[in-house]
Amino acid sequence: MKYDGLIVDADFYIKIGASPKYRYLERILAELAEKVYIHKTVYDKIMIPACAKQQIDSLIHLGIMEIIDENCLEPLEKAIYRGAWQGLSFVFESFSIFLIRIA
């Protein structure tokens, strides 16, 4: 099953894209989704490994990946973005509290 769109965390790009010999980012992301979105801040942060950045640039060039910046979104898109961000923030905060209680 191929998704219409996908947003992936920076750690995924860094860890999966770390091999200069095996270009897994290009293979995996192209198979997972029609379009993969990367936030501008995430894109700007990924400098090392260089092979991860090269694969991301290649996917952008091929039109498989697109850089997004919430400041450039239409009002409805921006509202959806903020809602998703708030939902993820809540999950992260809940998870952090859970970890503190376990420790």
C-alpha atoms as a PDB file:
ATOM      1  CA  MET A   1       0.000   0.000   0.000  1.00  0.00           C
ATOM      2  CA  LYS A   2       1.375   3.397  -1.004  1.00  0.00           C
ATOM      3  CA  TYR A   3       0.335   6.483   0.968  1.00  0.00           C
ATOM      4  CA  ASP A   4      -0.699   9.717  -0.747  1.00  0.00           C
ATOM      5  CA  GLY A   5       1.506  11.781   1.557  1.00  0.00           C
ATOM      6  CA  LEU A   6       3.956  11.225   4.372  1.00  0.00           C
ATOM      7  CA  ILE A   7       5.865  13.348   6.877  1.00  0.00           C
ATOM      8  CA  VAL A   8       8.935  11.765   8.410  1.00  0.00           C
ATOM      9  CA  ASP A   9      10.969  12.717  11.481  1.00  0.00           C
ATOM     10  CA  ALA A  10      14.526  14.057  11.121  1.00  0.00           C
ATOM     11  CA  ASP A  11      16.009  11.052  12.937  1.00  0.00           C
ATOM     12  CA  PHE A  12      14.600   8.755  10.252  1.00  0.00           C
ATOM     13  CA  TYR A  13      16.352  10.723   7.508  1.00  0.00           C
ATOM     14  CA  ILE A  14      19.624  10.776   9.416  1.00  0.00           C
ATOM     15  CA  LYS A  15      19.665   7.098  10.393  1.00  0.00           C
ATOM     16  CA  ILE A  16      18.273   5.570   7.203  1.00  0.00           C
ATOM     17  CA  GLY A  17      20.238   7.927   4.966  1.00  0.00           C
ATOM     18  CA  ALA A  18      23.583   7.347   6.691  1.00  0.00           C
ATOM     19  CA  SER A  19      24.967   4.842   4.198  1.00  0.00           C
ATOM     20  CA  PRO A  20      26.711   6.305   1.156  1.00  0.00           C
ATOM     21  CA  LYS A  21      26.789   2.840  -0.411  1.00  0.00           C
ATOM     22  CA  TYR A  22      23.124   1.907   0.098  1.00  0.00           C
ATOM     23  CA  ARG A  23      20.762   4.753  -0.758  1.00  0.00           C
ATOM     24  CA  TYR A  24      17.870   3.514   1.348  1.00  0.00           C
ATOM     25  CA  LEU A  25      16.101   6.873   1.651  1.00  0.00           C
ATOM     26  CA  GLU A  26      15.610   7.062  -2.099  1.00  0.00           C
ATOM     27  CA  ARG A  27      14.353   3.487  -2.253  1.00  0.00           C
ATOM     28  CA  ILE A  28      12.123   3.416   0.827  1.00  0.00           C
ATOM     29  CA  LEU A  29      10.476   6.827   0.581  1.00  0.00           C
ATOM     30  CA  ALA A  30       9.691   6.453  -3.116  1.00  0.00           C
ATOM     31  CA  GLU A  31       7.925   3.170  -2.328  1.00  0.00           C
ATOM     32  CA  LEU A  32       6.065   4.407   0.765  1.00  0.00           C
ATOM     33  CA  ALA A  33       4.326   7.499  -0.595  1.00  0.00           C
ATOM     34  CA  GLU A  34       3.460   9.492  -3.665  1.00  0.00           C
ATOM     35  CA  LYS A  35       4.721  12.641  -1.906  1.00  0.00           C
ATOM     36  CA  VAL A  36       6.988  12.972   1.119  1.00  0.00           C
ATOM     37  CA  TYR A  37       7.015  16.269   2.991  1.00  0.00           C
ATOM     38  CA  ILE A  38       9.932  17.629   4.955  1.00  0.00           C
ATOM     39  CA  HIS A  39       9.652  20.740   7.098  1.00  0.00           C
ATOM     40  CA  LYS A  40      12.057  23.534   6.172  1.00  0.00           C
ATOM     41  CA  THR A  41      13.531  23.558   9.690  1.00  0.00           C
ATOM     42  CA  VAL A  42      14.206  19.805   9.499  1.00  0.00           C
ATOM     43  CA  TYR A  43      15.719  20.161   6.023  1.00  0.00           C
ATOM     44  CA  ASP A  44      18.010  22.958   7.220  1.00  0.00           C
ATOM     45  CA  LYS A  45      19.157  20.910  10.255  1.00  0.00           C
ATOM     46  CA  ILE A  46      20.203  17.818   8.302  1.00  0.00           C
ATOM     47  CA  MET A  47      23.829  18.413   7.394  1.00  0.00           C
ATOM     48  CA  ILE A  48      25.410  15.187   8.573  1.00  0.00           C
ATOM     49  CA  PRO A  49      25.553  12.607   7.170  1.00  0.00           C
ATOM     50  CA  ALA A  50      26.097  14.303   3.825  1.00  0.00           C
ATOM     51  CA  CYS A  51      24.746  11.245   1.992  1.00  0.00           C
ATOM     52  CA  ALA A  52      21.367  11.715   3.723  1.00  0.00           C
ATOM     53  CA  LYS A  53      21.208  15.323   2.540  1.00  0.00           C
ATOM     54  CA  GLN A  54      22.189  14.232  -0.985  1.00  0.00           C
ATOM     55  CA  GLN A  55      19.392  11.650  -1.076  1.00  0.00           C
ATOM     56  CA  ILE A  56      16.860  14.203   0.185  1.00  0.00           C
ATOM     57  CA  ASP A  57      17.990  16.673  -2.481  1.00  0.00           C
ATOM     58  CA  SER A  58      17.669  13.944  -5.102  1.00  0.00           C
ATOM     59  CA  LEU A  59      14.114  13.121  -3.971  1.00  0.00           C
ATOM     60  CA  ILE A  60      13.218  16.822  -4.075  1.00  0.00           C
ATOM     61  CA  HIS A  61      14.627  17.074  -7.591  1.00  0.00           C
ATOM     62  CA  LEU A  62      12.573  14.044  -8.673  1.00  0.00           C
ATOM     63  CA  GLY A  63       9.409  15.610  -7.222  1.00  0.00           C
ATOM     64  CA  ILE A  64       8.913  12.835  -4.670  1.00  0.00           C
ATOM     65  CA  MET A  65       9.782  15.076  -1.743  1.00  0.00           C
ATOM     66  CA  GLU A  66       8.704  18.637  -1.025  1.00  0.00           C
ATOM     67  CA  ILE A  67       9.911  21.148   1.550  1.00  0.00           C
ATOM     68  CA  ILE A  68       7.079  22.725   3.543  1.00  0.00           C
ATOM     69  CA  ASP A  69       7.043  25.872   5.622  1.00  0.00           C
ATOM     70  CA  GLU A  70       3.895  26.677   7.575  1.00  0.00           C
ATOM     71  CA  ASN A  71       4.389  30.370   6.838  1.00  0.00           C
ATOM     72  CA  CYS A  72       3.669  29.683   3.152  1.00  0.00           C
ATOM     73  CA  LEU A  73       0.496  27.640   3.675  1.00  0.00           C
ATOM     74  CA  GLU A  74      -3.035  28.760   2.838  1.00  0.00           C
ATOM     75  CA  PRO A  75      -5.252  29.506   5.893  1.00  0.00           C
ATOM     76  CA  LEU A  76      -7.015  26.103   5.813  1.00  0.00           C
ATOM     77  CA  GLU A  77      -3.735  24.237   5.317  1.00  0.00           C
ATOM     78  CA  LYS A  78      -2.195  26.228   8.166  1.00  0.00           C
ATOM     79  CA  ALA A  79      -5.101  25.316  10.479  1.00  0.00           C
ATOM     80  CA  ILE A  80      -4.690  21.615   9.633  1.00  0.00           C
ATOM     81  CA  TYR A  81      -0.937  21.878  10.180  1.00  0.00           C
ATOM     82  CA  ARG A  82      -1.355  23.537  13.575  1.00  0.00           C
ATOM     83  CA  GLY A  83      -3.970  20.980  14.622  1.00  0.00           C
ATOM     84  CA  ALA A  84      -1.653  18.108  13.713  1.00  0.00           C
ATOM     85  CA  TRP A  85       1.236  19.800  15.532  1.00  0.00           C
ATOM     86  CA  GLN A  86      -0.842  20.291  18.673  1.00  0.00           C
ATOM     87  CA  GLY A  87      -1.983  16.673  18.573  1.00  0.00           C
ATOM     88  CA  LEU A  88       1.575  15.417  18.273  1.00  0.00           C
ATOM     89  CA  SER A  89       2.720  17.765  21.044  1.00  0.00           C
ATOM     90  CA  PHE A  90       0.060  16.330  23.344  1.00  0.00           C
ATOM     91  CA  VAL A  91       1.173  12.770  22.578  1.00  0.00           C
ATOM     92  CA  PHE A  92       4.808  13.675  23.212  1.00  0.00           C
ATOM     93  CA  GLU A  93       4.002  15.413  26.505  1.00  0.00           C
ATOM     94  CA  SER A  94       1.910  12.442  27.641  1.00  0.00           C
ATOM     95  CA  PHE A  95       4.701  10.048  26.686  1.00  0.00           C
ATOM     96  CA  SER A  96       7.280  12.182  28.563  1.00  0.00           C
ATOM     97  CA  ILE A  97       5.107  12.182  31.684  1.00  0.00           C
ATOM     98  CA  PHE A  98       4.715   8.405  31.359  1.00  0.00           C
ATOM     99  CA  LEU A  99       8.506   7.983  31.183  1.00  0.00           C
ATOM    100  CA  ILE A 100       9.040  10.200  34.221  1.00  0.00           C
ATOM    101  CA  ARG A 101       6.538   8.164  36.243  1.00  0.00           C
ATOM    102  CA  ILE A 102       8.261   4.899  35.303  1.00  0.00           C
ATOM    103  CA  ALA A 103      11.737   6.150  36.167  1.00  0.00           C
END
